[in-house]
């Protein structure tokens, strides 16, 4: 047997070292190596399955100044992410099968890694049509307004939940309460979208949803919200690693929905690490020109797909979290929730990997690949991958994209044109 690729001396999560043999993008054997067209020695690296970021906003179209599928997915790969799931609050929002298919075609032409696309959720949306056209999931479904997304009323939420549940689809939820006038500072923004209101919104969603409905709560920012959730739970690196006190109070770059919380709340979120199912970036880039306006009118959203796993790898190296939990929350659990083949170390697994060195560096936005050109994590410690393999192909090496490896992952309702 001659393989396409062999990864030699991989330290497996079990603690043993083995060689991983890959052919046709799939793990074929774990153990002693065979001859291969290409070999990568993993000695000195931590080998992780490629991350699945199930919450990104890749912009594109009329918003291509902020980001496009190519720059966004290059940024993903450079951070060890090999599959991204795009949110549907694009311009225009994805509410019909035709718009969804156009978004998929745009990604097929530009993306350099695996991708999926979610369906927009508003009362007039053709949910069944988008499900059959290959939507991965439904939402972000907005229980409160956010950038490019209008909040749905209680009645509207109950109606769309019933339709999605009948299809067997996964609903992803943006749960918040919004009150008061437009905030003028980061602290005001925290008070206008309070953590207590987020927890109440999470509880209300559970009451509105039909029994047994598949719910996934996006970017929960407080321990109380995580504890209140009935469904899978997602948290972001910015809510885990940043608090609003780390910034000048009027710094619009740190404006995001849900808001950055105070330091006590941030630390309490870490106490729920075991209950959090998924870490996702909510990569939502805006240009600095858009951000450099009065706080009241500045858009909410920050870039983060490239820094997500590198930030967590520092926590792993410092033994603040286990490597196994980082793999579970960035790769295996999101793949299971979405129903896509998992990357891993067993025969039959998808051969997506990222190799991380032992050395810790600091985040320098000038070295990142997102088109917006800035990061709220500037100066924080990180461990970036040196090599990234996608479906057995060496896609990224030492700062350079070597080969584009796009692949569309349709949702479970997909009816291909042949069916």
Protein backbone atom coordinates (compact mmCIF):
# COMPACT_ATOMS: atom_id res chain seq x y z
CA UNK A 1 0.00 0.00 0.00
CA UNK A 2 1.19 3.50 -0.89
CA UNK A 3 -0.59 6.32 0.92
CA UNK A 4 -1.05 9.97 0.03
CA UNK A 5 0.30 11.20 3.36
CA UNK A 6 1.77 9.86 6.57
CA UNK A 7 1.94 11.88 9.77
CA UNK A 8 4.79 10.35 11.76
CA UNK A 9 5.22 10.38 15.53
CA UNK A 10 1.80 11.84 16.36
CA UNK A 11 1.18 12.07 20.09
CA UNK A 12 -2.41 10.81 20.42
CA UNK A 13 -4.82 12.00 23.14
CA UNK A 14 -4.38 8.57 24.75
CA UNK A 15 -0.69 9.35 25.34
CA UNK A 16 0.82 6.87 22.86
CA UNK A 17 2.72 7.85 19.72
CA UNK A 18 1.71 6.48 16.34
CA UNK A 19 1.93 7.14 12.62
CA UNK A 20 -1.28 8.14 10.83
CA UNK A 21 -1.72 6.93 7.28
CA UNK A 22 -4.03 8.95 5.01
CA UNK A 23 -5.47 8.20 1.56
CA UNK A 24 -8.22 10.04 -0.31
CA UNK A 25 -8.67 12.47 2.58
CA UNK A 26 -9.50 9.73 5.11
CA UNK A 27 -7.48 8.09 7.89
CA UNK A 28 -6.75 4.53 6.74
CA UNK A 29 -4.44 3.23 9.45
CA UNK A 30 -3.04 4.24 12.82
CA UNK A 31 0.16 2.49 13.81
CA UNK A 32 3.31 1.69 11.89
CA UNK A 33 3.64 3.78 8.74
CA UNK A 34 3.60 2.63 5.15
CA UNK A 35 5.19 4.27 2.11
CA UNK A 36 3.60 7.61 1.21
CA UNK A 37 3.82 10.35 -1.39
CA UNK A 38 4.41 12.86 1.44
CA UNK A 39 5.51 12.54 5.05
CA UNK A 40 5.31 15.05 7.90
CA UNK A 41 7.24 14.45 11.11
CA UNK A 42 5.10 15.64 14.03
CA UNK A 43 7.87 15.37 16.63
CA UNK A 44 7.81 18.52 18.76
CA UNK A 45 4.26 19.45 17.75
CA UNK A 46 0.87 19.00 19.34
CA UNK A 47 -1.40 17.57 16.66
CA UNK A 48 -5.06 18.60 16.91
CA UNK A 49 -7.94 17.59 14.66
CA UNK A 50 -8.94 20.54 12.47
CA UNK A 51 -11.32 22.87 14.29
CA UNK A 52 -14.93 23.39 13.21
CA UNK A 53 -15.96 27.02 13.80
CA UNK A 54 -19.74 26.81 13.70
CA UNK A 55 -20.28 30.57 13.98
CA UNK A 56 -18.65 32.92 11.46
CA UNK A 57 -19.80 35.86 9.34
CA UNK A 58 -17.77 35.68 6.14
CA UNK A 59 -19.32 38.88 4.71
CA UNK A 60 -18.60 39.01 0.96
CA UNK A 61 -20.96 40.44 -1.65
CA UNK A 62 -21.66 44.11 -0.95
CA UNK A 63 -19.76 43.71 2.33
CA UNK A 64 -16.55 42.43 0.74
CA UNK A 65 -14.63 45.47 2.01
CA UNK A 66 -14.86 43.92 5.50
CA UNK A 67 -14.12 40.32 4.52
CA UNK A 68 -14.73 37.84 1.72
CA UNK A 69 -14.76 34.07 1.53
CA UNK A 70 -11.12 33.84 0.49
CA UNK A 71 -9.63 36.16 3.12
CA UNK A 72 -11.93 34.81 5.82
CA UNK A 73 -11.13 31.16 5.15
CA UNK A 74 -7.39 31.80 4.77
CA UNK A 75 -7.63 33.42 8.21
CA UNK A 76 -9.48 30.35 9.47
CA UNK A 77 -6.88 27.91 8.15
CA UNK A 78 -4.02 29.98 9.56
CA UNK A 79 -5.67 29.51 12.96
CA UNK A 80 -6.17 25.75 12.63
CA UNK A 81 -9.84 25.92 11.58
CA UNK A 82 -10.64 23.65 8.63
CA UNK A 83 -14.46 23.96 8.50
CA UNK A 84 -16.50 27.15 8.99
CA UNK A 85 -20.26 27.61 9.24
CA UNK A 86 -21.45 30.91 7.79
CA UNK A 87 -24.33 32.81 9.37
CA UNK A 88 -27.21 34.01 7.18
CA UNK A 89 -27.58 37.66 8.29
CA UNK A 90 -25.78 38.71 5.15
CA UNK A 91 -26.83 41.55 2.84
CA UNK A 92 -29.33 40.47 1.63
CA UNK A 93 -30.32 37.98 4.33
CA UNK A 94 -30.60 34.35 3.24
CA UNK A 95 -34.34 33.71 3.26
CA UNK A 96 -34.94 31.80 0.00
CA UNK A 97 -33.40 28.72 -1.63
CA UNK A 98 -32.14 30.90 -4.49
CA UNK A 99 -30.26 33.23 -2.15
CA UNK A 100 -28.86 30.28 -0.20
CA UNK A 101 -27.62 28.59 -3.40
CA UNK A 102 -26.00 31.84 -4.54
CA UNK A 103 -24.17 32.09 -1.22
CA UNK A 104 -22.94 28.50 -1.56
CA UNK A 105 -21.71 29.19 -5.11
CA UNK A 106 -19.83 32.27 -3.86
CA UNK A 107 -18.14 30.11 -1.22
CA UNK A 108 -17.31 27.36 -3.70
CA UNK A 109 -15.52 29.91 -5.89
CA UNK A 110 -13.50 31.57 -3.12
CA UNK A 111 -13.19 29.43 0.03
CA UNK A 112 -9.94 27.57 0.76
CA UNK A 113 -11.33 25.17 3.41
CA UNK A 114 -14.52 23.32 4.27
CA UNK A 115 -17.68 25.34 4.75
CA UNK A 116 -21.41 25.19 5.43
CA UNK A 117 -24.11 27.87 5.23
CA UNK A 118 -27.05 28.42 7.58
CA UNK A 119 -30.55 29.59 6.64
CA UNK A 120 -32.01 32.91 7.74
CA UNK A 121 -35.00 32.78 10.10
CA UNK A 122 -37.81 35.31 9.70
CA UNK A 123 -41.55 34.60 9.41
CA UNK A 124 -41.60 35.01 5.62
CA UNK A 125 -38.53 32.80 4.98
CA UNK A 126 -38.86 29.62 2.90
CA UNK A 127 -37.48 27.38 5.62
CA UNK A 128 -38.40 24.07 4.00
CA UNK A 129 -36.96 25.17 0.65
CA UNK A 130 -33.65 26.19 2.20
CA UNK A 131 -33.48 22.96 4.23
CA UNK A 132 -33.83 20.95 1.05
CA UNK A 133 -31.29 23.22 -0.71
CA UNK A 134 -28.64 22.25 1.83
CA UNK A 135 -28.82 24.71 4.73
CA UNK A 136 -26.72 23.35 7.60
CA UNK A 137 -28.91 24.83 10.36
CA UNK A 138 -31.40 27.64 10.98
CA UNK A 139 -30.07 30.92 12.33
CA UNK A 140 -28.62 32.76 14.10
CA UNK A 141 -32.26 33.14 15.04
CA UNK A 142 -32.46 36.53 16.72
CA UNK A 143 -34.41 36.81 19.94
CA UNK A 144 -33.03 40.37 20.14
CA UNK A 145 -31.76 42.75 17.44
CA UNK A 146 -28.08 42.72 16.46
CA UNK A 147 -26.00 43.86 13.48
CA UNK A 148 -27.86 42.94 10.28
CA UNK A 149 -30.39 40.92 12.28
CA UNK A 150 -33.83 41.97 13.52
CA UNK A 151 -35.17 40.51 16.74
CA UNK A 152 -38.26 38.33 16.39
CA UNK A 153 -41.33 38.69 18.57
CA UNK A 154 -42.41 35.93 20.93
CA UNK A 155 -45.20 34.93 18.56
CA UNK A 156 -42.90 34.87 15.55
CA UNK A 157 -40.33 32.78 17.40
CA UNK A 158 -42.94 30.24 18.43
CA UNK A 159 -44.22 29.97 14.85
CA UNK A 160 -40.79 29.50 13.22
CA UNK A 161 -39.73 27.06 15.94
CA UNK A 162 -42.72 24.87 15.08
CA UNK A 163 -41.81 24.90 11.38
CA UNK A 164 -38.14 24.10 12.00
CA UNK A 165 -38.94 21.34 14.48
CA UNK A 166 -41.23 19.70 11.91
CA UNK A 167 -38.28 19.60 9.51
CA UNK A 168 -35.96 18.10 12.12
CA UNK A 169 -33.56 21.02 11.82
CA UNK A 170 -31.15 22.53 14.31
CA UNK A 171 -32.00 26.06 15.47
CA UNK A 172 -29.16 28.33 16.60
CA UNK A 173 -30.26 31.12 18.93
CA UNK A 174 -29.01 34.64 19.64
CA UNK A 175 -30.59 35.18 23.06
CA UNK A 176 -30.53 38.67 24.61
CA UNK A 177 -32.71 41.36 26.13
CA UNK A 178 -32.13 44.95 24.98
CA UNK A 179 -33.28 48.00 26.91
CA UNK A 180 -32.55 51.69 27.30
CA UNK A 181 -31.13 54.21 24.89
CA UNK A 182 -28.12 53.74 22.61
CA UNK A 183 -25.05 53.09 24.80
CA UNK A 184 -22.19 55.60 24.83
CA UNK A 185 -19.54 53.37 26.45
CA UNK A 186 -18.62 49.71 26.83
CA UNK A 187 -20.02 49.73 30.37
CA UNK A 188 -23.29 51.25 29.07
CA UNK A 189 -23.41 48.56 26.40
CA UNK A 190 -23.06 45.87 29.08
CA UNK A 191 -25.95 47.43 31.04
CA UNK A 192 -28.14 47.82 27.93
CA UNK A 193 -27.78 44.10 27.11
CA UNK A 194 -27.39 42.72 30.64
CA UNK A 195 -26.27 39.25 31.54
CA UNK A 196 -29.42 38.78 33.60
CA UNK A 197 -31.49 39.55 30.52
CA UNK A 198 -29.51 37.05 28.47
CA UNK A 199 -30.29 34.34 31.03
CA UNK A 200 -34.00 35.28 31.00
CA UNK A 201 -34.03 35.12 27.20
CA UNK A 202 -32.45 31.66 27.30
CA UNK A 203 -35.17 30.48 29.69
CA UNK A 204 -37.90 32.04 27.53
CA UNK A 205 -36.59 30.24 24.42
CA UNK A 206 -36.88 26.94 26.26
CA UNK A 207 -40.54 27.71 27.05
CA UNK A 208 -41.32 28.65 23.44
CA UNK A 209 -39.62 25.67 21.79
CA UNK A 210 -41.57 22.45 21.13
CA UNK A 211 -40.52 19.48 23.30
CA UNK A 212 -37.51 17.72 21.82
CA UNK A 213 -36.53 20.56 19.51
CA UNK A 214 -32.82 20.79 18.68
CA UNK A 215 -31.59 24.09 20.17
CA UNK A 216 -28.09 25.54 20.11
CA UNK A 217 -27.42 28.71 22.08
CA UNK A 218 -24.85 30.97 20.46
CA UNK A 219 -22.19 33.02 22.31
CA UNK A 220 -23.53 32.77 25.87
CA UNK A 221 -21.58 35.27 27.96
CA UNK A 222 -22.45 34.53 31.60
CA UNK A 223 -22.41 31.55 33.90
CA UNK A 224 -26.11 32.03 34.66
CA UNK A 225 -26.98 31.81 30.96
CA UNK A 226 -24.95 28.64 30.51
CA UNK A 227 -26.66 27.03 33.51
CA UNK A 228 -30.11 28.05 32.22
CA UNK A 229 -29.67 26.58 28.73
CA UNK A 230 -31.67 23.55 27.61
CA UNK A 231 -29.72 22.52 24.53
CA UNK A 232 -26.13 22.79 23.37
CA UNK A 233 -24.09 25.79 24.51
CA UNK A 234 -21.54 27.87 22.64
CA UNK A 235 -19.09 30.34 24.15
CA UNK A 236 -16.62 32.64 22.42
CA UNK A 237 -12.96 33.42 23.06
CA UNK A 238 -13.78 37.10 23.51
CA UNK A 239 -16.14 36.40 26.39
CA UNK A 240 -13.62 33.99 27.92
CA UNK A 241 -10.46 36.07 27.46
CA UNK A 242 -11.64 39.70 27.38
CA UNK A 243 -13.57 41.97 29.75
CA UNK A 244 -14.62 45.54 29.02
CA UNK A 245 -12.28 46.86 31.71
CA UNK A 246 -9.33 45.85 29.52
CA UNK A 247 -10.24 48.63 27.07
CA UNK A 248 -10.81 52.36 27.18
CA UNK A 249 -14.52 52.79 27.88
CA UNK A 250 -15.22 54.37 24.50
CA UNK A 251 -13.21 51.88 22.43
CA UNK A 252 -15.62 50.80 19.71
CA UNK A 253 -13.33 47.95 18.63
CA UNK A 254 -14.50 46.06 21.73
CA UNK A 255 -18.19 46.61 20.97
CA UNK A 256 -19.83 43.26 20.29
CA UNK A 257 -23.18 41.55 20.93
CA UNK A 258 -23.55 40.14 23.55
CA UNK A 259 -21.29 42.73 25.18
CA UNK A 260 -17.99 42.08 26.88
CA UNK A 261 -18.77 41.71 30.58
CA UNK A 262 -16.89 42.80 33.69
CA UNK A 263 -13.90 40.82 34.95
CA UNK A 264 -15.84 38.94 37.62
CA UNK A 265 -18.38 37.74 35.06
CA UNK A 266 -15.63 36.73 32.65
CA UNK A 267 -13.93 34.61 35.29
CA UNK A 268 -17.24 33.03 36.29
CA UNK A 269 -17.83 31.94 32.69
CA UNK A 270 -14.66 29.83 32.90
CA UNK A 271 -16.19 28.02 35.88
CA UNK A 272 -18.75 26.57 33.42
CA UNK A 273 -16.07 25.13 31.12
CA UNK A 274 -17.32 21.57 31.48
CA UNK A 275 -20.91 22.56 30.59
CA UNK A 276 -19.88 24.51 27.47
CA UNK A 277 -20.26 22.27 24.42
CA UNK A 278 -18.63 24.39 21.73
CA UNK A 279 -16.11 27.19 21.40
CA UNK A 280 -16.87 29.29 18.32
CA UNK A 281 -15.44 32.63 17.26
CA UNK A 282 -18.48 34.64 16.11
CA UNK A 283 -16.00 36.08 13.60
CA UNK A 284 -17.79 39.30 12.57
CA UNK A 285 -15.28 41.73 11.07
CA UNK A 286 -15.88 45.43 10.48
CA UNK A 287 -13.36 47.85 9.05
CA UNK A 288 -11.57 50.30 11.34
CA UNK A 289 -13.20 53.08 9.36
CA UNK A 290 -16.62 51.73 10.36
CA UNK A 291 -15.53 51.35 13.97
CA UNK A 292 -14.01 54.85 14.23
CA UNK A 293 -17.34 56.62 14.78
CA UNK A 294 -19.17 57.69 17.95
CA UNK A 295 -19.88 54.68 20.17
CA UNK A 296 -23.65 55.09 19.86
CA UNK A 297 -23.53 54.44 16.10
CA UNK A 298 -20.60 52.01 15.86
CA UNK A 299 -21.40 48.50 14.57
CA UNK A 300 -21.07 45.54 16.92
CA UNK A 301 -18.77 42.68 15.96
CA UNK A 302 -15.13 41.65 16.06
CA UNK A 303 -12.82 39.34 14.07
CA UNK A 304 -11.68 36.13 15.76
CA UNK A 305 -11.59 32.98 13.62
CA UNK A 306 -7.78 32.99 13.33
CA UNK A 307 -7.10 33.54 17.04
CA UNK A 308 -9.72 31.16 18.52
CA UNK A 309 -7.68 27.95 18.83
CA UNK A 310 -4.31 29.72 19.35
CA UNK A 311 -5.72 31.41 22.47
CA UNK A 312 -7.02 28.09 23.81
CA UNK A 313 -3.67 26.41 23.13
CA UNK A 314 -2.03 28.79 25.60
CA UNK A 315 -4.56 27.67 28.22
CA UNK A 316 -3.68 24.06 27.34
CA UNK A 317 0.06 24.66 27.63
CA UNK A 318 -0.44 26.41 30.98
CA UNK A 319 -2.61 23.46 32.13
CA UNK A 320 -5.64 25.67 32.70
CA UNK A 321 -7.70 23.33 30.49
CA UNK A 322 -7.01 19.86 29.16
CA UNK A 323 -6.00 19.15 25.59
CA UNK A 324 -8.85 16.62 25.39
CA UNK A 325 -11.42 19.28 26.30
CA UNK A 326 -10.01 21.71 23.73
CA UNK A 327 -10.29 19.06 21.02
CA UNK A 328 -13.82 18.15 22.12
CA UNK A 329 -15.11 21.74 22.12
CA UNK A 330 -13.39 22.97 18.95
CA UNK A 331 -13.66 19.91 16.72
CA UNK A 332 -15.49 16.79 17.81
CA UNK A 333 -18.56 18.25 19.51
CA UNK A 334 -19.37 20.83 16.81
CA UNK A 335 -18.98 18.14 14.13
CA UNK A 336 -21.38 15.88 16.04
CA UNK A 337 -23.93 18.68 16.52
CA UNK A 338 -23.82 19.53 12.82
CA UNK A 339 -23.77 15.93 11.63
CA UNK A 340 -20.57 16.16 9.59
CA UNK A 341 -17.73 13.60 9.57
CA UNK A 342 -15.34 14.25 12.42
CA UNK A 343 -11.62 14.83 12.02
CA UNK A 344 -9.52 12.60 14.22
CA UNK A 345 -7.15 9.75 14.84
CA UNK A 346 -9.21 6.69 14.02
CA UNK A 347 -9.61 4.85 10.70
CA UNK A 348 -12.44 6.46 8.75
CA UNK A 349 -11.97 9.92 10.32
CA UNK A 350 -11.61 13.01 8.16
CA UNK A 351 -7.89 13.78 7.79
CA UNK A 352 -7.90 17.42 8.94
CA UNK A 353 -5.14 18.42 11.38
CA UNK A 354 -3.22 21.38 12.72
CA UNK A 355 0.27 21.12 14.21
CA UNK A 356 1.04 23.48 17.09
CA UNK A 357 4.56 24.15 18.41
CA UNK A 358 5.45 24.39 22.08
CA UNK A 359 6.45 28.07 21.95
CA UNK A 360 4.05 30.84 22.97
CA UNK A 361 3.98 34.09 20.96
CA UNK A 362 1.82 37.22 21.14
CA UNK A 363 -0.95 38.21 18.76
CA UNK A 364 0.15 40.82 16.24
CA UNK A 365 -2.70 41.94 13.99
CA UNK A 366 -0.26 42.82 11.21
CA UNK A 367 0.50 39.08 10.92
CA UNK A 368 -3.16 37.99 10.74
CA UNK A 369 -5.04 37.31 7.51
CA UNK A 370 -8.52 38.81 8.03
CA UNK A 371 -9.16 41.66 5.61
CA UNK A 372 -10.24 44.11 8.34
CA UNK A 373 -6.64 44.25 9.59
CA UNK A 374 -7.15 44.48 13.37
CA UNK A 375 -7.83 42.29 16.39
CA UNK A 376 -9.28 42.94 19.86
CA UNK A 377 -6.83 40.31 21.12
CA UNK A 378 -3.76 42.36 20.15
CA UNK A 379 -0.85 41.51 22.46
CA UNK A 380 -2.44 38.46 24.11
CA UNK A 381 -0.48 35.21 24.25
CA UNK A 382 -1.20 32.63 21.54
CA UNK A 383 0.15 29.48 19.90
CA UNK A 384 -0.41 29.46 16.14
CA UNK A 385 -0.21 26.29 14.02
CA UNK A 386 2.83 25.77 11.82
CA UNK A 387 1.18 23.22 9.52
CA UNK A 388 -2.46 22.60 8.60
CA UNK A 389 -3.67 19.55 6.69
CA UNK A 390 -7.12 19.48 5.07
CA UNK A 391 -8.47 16.13 3.87
CA UNK A 392 -4.95 14.79 3.66
CA UNK A 393 -3.56 17.76 1.75
CA UNK A 394 -0.87 20.01 3.22
CA UNK A 395 -2.85 23.22 2.86
CA UNK A 396 -0.86 25.64 5.03
CA UNK A 397 2.77 25.65 6.10
CA UNK A 398 4.81 28.15 8.12
CA UNK A 399 2.74 31.20 7.25
CA UNK A 400 1.90 30.41 3.64
CA UNK A 401 -1.20 28.93 2.03
CA UNK A 402 0.00 26.05 -0.13
CA UNK A 403 -3.25 24.73 -1.57
CA UNK A 404 -6.93 25.62 -1.48
CA UNK A 405 -9.13 22.76 -0.27
CA UNK A 406 -12.76 23.93 -0.46
CA UNK A 407 -15.58 21.50 0.31
CA UNK A 408 -19.25 22.19 0.92
CA UNK A 409 -20.92 20.35 3.80
CA UNK A 410 -24.71 20.39 3.24
CA UNK A 411 -27.17 19.95 6.09
CA UNK A 412 -29.15 16.80 6.77
CA UNK A 413 -32.20 17.96 4.81
CA UNK A 414 -30.29 18.31 1.53
CA UNK A 415 -31.99 16.98 -1.58
CA UNK A 416 -29.43 16.89 -4.39
CA UNK A 417 -30.57 17.70 -7.93
CA UNK A 418 -30.39 13.97 -8.71
CA UNK A 419 -32.93 13.09 -6.00
